[in-house]
Amino acid sequence: MKLIYLLPLLAFTSPLLAQQKALPAPLKLVTEQGGEIVSEFAAPANMKGYVADFKGQVITLYITADEQYLLTGPMLDANGNNVGEQAENDYATGPKAQKDWQTLESSHWIVDGSAKAKRVVYTFTDPNCPYCRKFWQNARPWVDAGEVQIRHILVGILKADSLGKAAAIMSASNPEEVLKKFENDNLARTLQPLKNPPEQINAQLMKNHQIMMSVGARATPATFYHDANGAVKMQMGLPPASLMTEILGPRPSKLTK
């Protein structure tokens, strides 16, 4: 179990529970860093358990009975059960899932796939990211079958011209078609970055980057999807073949007519 000295490594959002009642002193060390304490639950040995949300992740915190010490991470009983797992899951599949998904919906994305698709996936994409292109290609069976709609949130973080290329795609009269050609390698070598993007496009790309940071994504591709329990999950980097069905659903046997 990790002790309080690890907490400065964590990034948090604004507190909610702290506004409702006074927190034990050690928890204030968390909230002073911008922490969001979202719920409280009963813990063994007269301790108090708390669920905290930070940058797209959920952790459990424990306060000792004398309210002098804070411990973080899973707490296991003699049978190996995580005593805070239910509280974590309740938040992850409820308020957090709704909040994160709404945040992603508010970004400026380019659609890839049918509007009638039953499954929607968000992914942060940098035009200079080869793994983003590989994910785009690997997802074709699901997208072409009409089963999945992927919403590409363009950012520019990898190279000096990434932002200009992202702006060029988003500024196009048909961004969906340009992105398709780009990821198919038809435009990958010839697309010219915009040196002076329109103010609106700059603002949209800035918002995309801010959202990327707020949900805890630090690399591309970073893909967000609902798991079987309804929780919003993030896959950082190129999804391995073994994870594609969890992200996109069962592999289609044929294309939609």
Protein backbone atom coordinates (compact mmCIF):
# COMPACT_ATOMS: atom_id res chain seq x y z
CA MET A 1 0.00 0.00 0.00
CA LYS A 2 1.40 3.38 -1.02
CA LEU A 3 1.92 6.12 1.57
CA ILE A 4 1.20 9.84 1.32
CA TYR A 5 4.62 10.73 -0.07
CA LEU A 6 3.50 9.40 -3.44
CA LEU A 7 0.58 11.82 -3.71
CA PRO A 8 2.49 14.76 -5.27
CA LEU A 9 2.83 12.56 -8.36
CA LEU A 10 -0.93 12.57 -8.84
CA ALA A 11 -3.00 15.22 -10.61
CA PHE A 12 -6.50 15.93 -9.35
CA THR A 13 -9.64 17.93 -10.17
CA SER A 14 -11.73 20.21 -7.92
CA PRO A 15 -13.22 18.74 -4.70
CA LEU A 16 -16.92 18.09 -4.21
CA LEU A 17 -17.16 16.10 -0.99
CA ALA A 18 -14.96 18.66 0.75
CA GLN A 19 -17.62 21.29 0.15
CA GLN A 20 -20.20 19.21 2.01
CA LYS A 21 -18.37 18.49 5.26
CA ALA A 22 -15.01 18.85 6.94
CA LEU A 23 -12.47 16.28 5.84
CA PRO A 24 -9.82 14.62 8.01
CA ALA A 25 -6.59 16.61 7.89
CA PRO A 26 -4.61 14.12 5.73
CA LEU A 27 -7.28 14.26 3.02
CA LYS A 28 -6.86 18.00 2.83
CA LEU A 29 -3.37 17.33 1.51
CA VAL A 30 -5.12 15.77 -1.46
CA THR A 31 -7.76 18.43 -1.95
CA GLU A 32 -5.18 21.20 -1.72
CA GLN A 33 -3.61 19.70 -4.82
CA GLY A 34 -6.95 20.06 -6.58
CA GLY A 35 -8.27 16.66 -5.55
CA GLU A 36 -11.87 15.58 -5.97
CA ILE A 37 -13.06 13.32 -3.17
CA VAL A 38 -16.24 11.85 -4.61
CA SER A 39 -17.51 9.39 -2.01
CA GLU A 40 -16.94 7.81 1.39
CA PHE A 41 -17.36 4.18 2.42
CA ALA A 42 -16.87 2.01 5.50
CA ALA A 43 -13.43 0.40 5.87
CA PRO A 44 -11.99 -2.20 8.26
CA ALA A 45 -10.27 -1.48 11.58
CA ASN A 46 -12.31 1.67 12.19
CA MET A 47 -10.75 3.33 9.18
CA LYS A 48 -12.67 5.45 6.68
CA GLY A 49 -12.48 4.78 2.97
CA TYR A 50 -12.77 7.40 0.23
CA VAL A 51 -12.94 7.33 -3.56
CA ALA A 52 -11.00 10.04 -5.40
CA ASP A 53 -11.12 11.01 -9.06
CA PHE A 54 -8.09 12.42 -10.86
CA LYS A 55 -7.37 12.93 -14.54
CA GLY A 56 -9.50 10.06 -15.78
CA GLN A 57 -8.45 7.63 -13.06
CA VAL A 58 -10.13 6.43 -9.87
CA ILE A 59 -8.27 5.57 -6.65
CA THR A 60 -9.21 4.59 -3.12
CA LEU A 61 -7.89 6.40 -0.06
CA TYR A 62 -7.95 5.25 3.55
CA ILE A 63 -7.76 7.31 6.74
CA THR A 64 -6.63 5.59 9.94
CA ALA A 65 -8.88 5.60 12.99
CA ASP A 66 -6.93 8.45 14.61
CA GLU A 67 -7.27 10.47 11.37
CA GLN A 68 -3.53 11.08 11.31
CA TYR A 69 -2.46 8.90 8.38
CA LEU A 70 -3.50 8.47 4.78
CA LEU A 71 -2.91 5.37 2.68
CA THR A 72 -3.68 4.96 -1.00
CA GLY A 73 -4.36 2.05 -3.31
CA PRO A 74 -6.18 -1.29 -2.95
CA MET A 75 -6.79 -2.70 0.53
CA LEU A 76 -7.13 -6.49 0.58
CA ASP A 77 -8.77 -8.66 3.21
CA ALA A 78 -7.52 -12.09 4.28
CA ASN A 79 -9.23 -13.67 1.27
CA GLY A 80 -7.65 -11.29 -1.21
CA ASN A 81 -10.79 -9.23 -1.77
CA ASN A 82 -10.39 -5.52 -2.50
CA VAL A 83 -12.58 -3.86 0.13
CA GLY A 84 -12.92 -0.66 -1.87
CA GLU A 85 -13.67 -2.26 -5.24
CA GLN A 86 -17.45 -1.85 -5.06
CA ALA A 87 -17.18 1.83 -4.17
CA GLU A 88 -14.73 2.36 -7.04
CA ASN A 89 -16.98 0.56 -9.51
CA ASP A 90 -20.09 2.43 -8.37
CA TYR A 91 -18.41 5.71 -9.20
CA ALA A 92 -16.63 4.52 -12.35
CA THR A 93 -19.77 3.11 -13.94
CA GLY A 94 -22.01 5.93 -12.74
CA PRO A 95 -21.03 9.59 -12.32
CA LYS A 96 -17.55 9.22 -13.79
CA ALA A 97 -18.68 7.41 -16.92
CA GLN A 98 -21.28 10.08 -17.59
CA LYS A 99 -18.89 12.96 -16.90
CA ASP A 100 -16.05 11.62 -19.04
CA TRP A 101 -18.30 10.75 -21.95
CA GLN A 102 -19.92 14.18 -21.91
CA THR A 103 -16.46 15.76 -21.92
CA LEU A 104 -15.45 13.74 -24.97
CA GLU A 105 -18.73 14.57 -26.72
CA SER A 106 -17.97 18.27 -26.28
CA SER A 107 -14.69 17.99 -28.19
CA HIS A 108 -14.32 18.78 -31.90
CA TRP A 109 -14.19 15.40 -33.56
CA ILE A 110 -14.27 14.01 -37.09
CA VAL A 111 -16.66 11.15 -37.63
CA ASP A 112 -15.57 7.84 -39.13
CA GLY A 113 -18.43 5.42 -39.64
CA SER A 114 -22.19 5.21 -39.85
CA ALA A 115 -24.49 7.48 -37.87
CA LYS A 116 -26.57 4.33 -37.24
CA ALA A 117 -23.71 2.44 -35.60
CA LYS A 118 -24.65 0.92 -32.24
CA ARG A 119 -21.24 1.53 -30.72
CA VAL A 120 -19.37 4.86 -30.49
CA VAL A 121 -15.67 5.11 -29.70
CA TYR A 122 -13.54 8.23 -29.22
CA THR A 123 -9.85 8.31 -30.05
CA PHE A 124 -7.26 11.08 -29.87
CA THR A 125 -5.38 11.22 -33.17
CA ASP A 126 -2.21 13.04 -34.20
CA PRO A 127 -1.62 13.29 -37.97
CA ASN A 128 2.01 12.24 -37.48
CA CYS A 129 1.14 9.21 -35.33
CA PRO A 130 1.82 5.93 -37.18
CA TYR A 131 -0.03 3.95 -34.51
CA CYS A 132 -3.12 6.13 -35.01
CA ARG A 133 -3.03 5.21 -38.68
CA LYS A 134 -2.58 1.54 -37.81
CA PHE A 135 -5.57 1.66 -35.46
CA TRP A 136 -7.64 3.32 -38.18
CA GLN A 137 -6.71 0.51 -40.58
CA ASN A 138 -7.27 -2.27 -38.03
CA ALA A 139 -10.75 -0.94 -37.27
CA ARG A 140 -11.97 -1.11 -40.88
CA PRO A 141 -13.92 -4.37 -40.52
CA TRP A 142 -16.08 -2.89 -37.73
CA VAL A 143 -16.46 0.56 -39.28
CA ASP A 144 -17.10 -0.69 -42.83
CA ALA A 145 -19.72 -3.10 -41.49
CA GLY A 146 -21.60 -0.21 -39.92
CA GLU A 147 -21.17 -1.62 -36.42
CA VAL A 148 -18.92 1.09 -34.96
CA GLN A 149 -18.55 4.83 -35.33
CA ILE A 150 -15.12 6.17 -34.37
CA ARG A 151 -14.89 9.84 -33.51
CA HIS A 152 -11.37 11.12 -34.11
CA ILE A 153 -10.37 13.98 -31.81
CA LEU A 154 -7.47 15.62 -33.64
CA VAL A 155 -4.54 17.02 -31.69
CA GLY A 156 -1.06 18.15 -32.62
CA ILE A 157 1.53 16.97 -30.10
CA LEU A 158 4.11 14.74 -31.79
CA LYS A 159 5.96 16.96 -34.27
CA ALA A 160 6.33 20.62 -35.10
CA ASP A 161 3.93 20.34 -38.04
CA SER A 162 1.35 18.11 -36.29
CA LEU A 163 -0.84 21.05 -35.34
CA GLY A 164 -0.71 22.49 -38.86
CA LYS A 165 -1.65 19.15 -40.38
CA ALA A 166 -4.50 18.72 -37.93
CA ALA A 167 -5.69 22.21 -38.82
CA ALA A 168 -5.50 21.39 -42.54
CA ILE A 169 -7.72 18.34 -42.07
CA MET A 170 -10.24 20.13 -39.87
CA SER A 171 -10.37 23.14 -42.20
CA ALA A 172 -11.24 21.05 -45.24
CA SER A 173 -14.70 21.33 -46.76
CA ASN A 174 -15.11 17.60 -46.11
CA PRO A 175 -12.89 16.69 -43.13
CA GLU A 176 -14.24 13.13 -43.03
CA GLU A 177 -13.09 12.42 -46.58
CA VAL A 178 -9.72 14.11 -46.07
CA LEU A 179 -9.09 12.12 -42.90
CA LYS A 180 -10.03 8.92 -44.70
CA LYS A 181 -7.59 9.63 -47.53
CA PHE A 182 -4.91 10.67 -45.06
CA GLU A 183 -5.18 7.51 -42.96
CA ASN A 184 -5.23 5.42 -46.15
CA ASP A 185 -1.78 6.89 -46.91
CA ASN A 186 -3.12 8.69 -49.99
CA LEU A 187 -2.44 12.10 -48.43
CA ALA A 188 0.04 11.19 -45.69
CA ARG A 189 3.04 12.44 -47.66
CA THR A 190 1.42 15.30 -49.53
CA LEU A 191 -0.84 17.03 -47.01
CA GLN A 192 0.53 20.48 -46.35
CA PRO A 193 0.23 21.87 -42.82
CA LEU A 194 -1.55 25.19 -42.44
CA LYS A 195 0.91 27.85 -41.31
CA ASN A 196 -1.80 30.28 -40.21
CA PRO A 197 -4.94 28.31 -39.33
CA PRO A 198 -8.22 30.19 -38.92
CA GLU A 199 -8.87 31.40 -35.39
CA GLN A 200 -11.85 29.08 -35.02
CA ILE A 201 -9.79 26.02 -35.95
CA ASN A 202 -7.04 27.06 -33.54
CA ALA A 203 -9.60 27.35 -30.76
CA GLN A 204 -11.05 23.93 -31.57
CA LEU A 205 -7.62 22.30 -31.52
CA MET A 206 -6.76 24.02 -28.26
CA LYS A 207 -9.97 22.69 -26.70
CA ASN A 208 -9.20 19.19 -27.97
CA HIS A 209 -5.79 19.35 -26.32
CA GLN A 210 -7.27 20.59 -23.05
CA ILE A 211 -9.80 17.78 -23.05
CA MET A 212 -7.04 15.29 -23.79
CA MET A 213 -5.19 16.47 -20.68
CA SER A 214 -8.34 16.55 -18.53
CA VAL A 215 -9.23 12.91 -19.21
CA GLY A 216 -5.69 11.71 -18.53
CA ALA A 217 -4.52 10.92 -22.06
CA ARG A 218 -0.83 11.60 -22.61
CA ALA A 219 -0.12 9.89 -25.93
CA THR A 220 -1.80 8.95 -29.20
CA PRO A 221 -3.78 7.02 -29.98
CA ALA A 222 -5.74 7.22 -26.73
CA THR A 223 -9.04 5.43 -27.21
CA PHE A 224 -12.11 5.68 -24.99
CA TYR A 225 -14.91 3.15 -25.01
CA HIS A 226 -17.59 1.56 -22.81
CA ASP A 227 -16.75 -1.84 -21.40
CA ALA A 228 -19.31 -4.59 -20.79
CA ASN A 229 -20.23 -3.04 -17.44
CA GLY A 230 -20.81 0.43 -18.86
CA ALA A 231 -17.64 1.96 -17.43
CA VAL A 232 -15.66 4.30 -19.66
CA LYS A 233 -12.23 2.76 -20.26
CA MET A 234 -9.12 4.22 -21.88
CA GLN A 235 -6.64 2.29 -24.02
CA MET A 236 -3.37 4.17 -24.35
CA GLY A 237 -1.43 3.37 -27.50
CA LEU A 238 -2.28 0.98 -30.33
CA PRO A 239 -4.82 -1.56 -29.07
CA PRO A 240 -3.48 -5.11 -29.34
CA ALA A 241 -5.48 -7.56 -31.42
CA SER A 242 -6.69 -9.26 -28.25
CA LEU A 243 -8.36 -6.03 -27.09
CA MET A 244 -10.08 -5.05 -30.33
CA THR A 245 -13.28 -6.97 -29.59
CA GLU A 246 -13.55 -5.38 -26.13
CA ILE A 247 -13.22 -1.91 -27.64
CA LEU A 248 -15.20 -2.41 -30.86
CA GLY A 249 -17.41 -5.41 -30.12
CA PRO A 250 -17.61 -8.78 -31.88
CA ARG A 251 -15.77 -8.86 -35.19
CA PRO A 252 -18.34 -8.58 -38.02
CA SER A 253 -18.66 -11.58 -40.28
CA LYS A 254 -19.69 -9.49 -43.27
CA LEU A 255 -20.20 -5.92 -44.37
CA THR A 256 -23.52 -4.17 -44.01
CA LYS A 257 -25.31 -3.91 -47.33
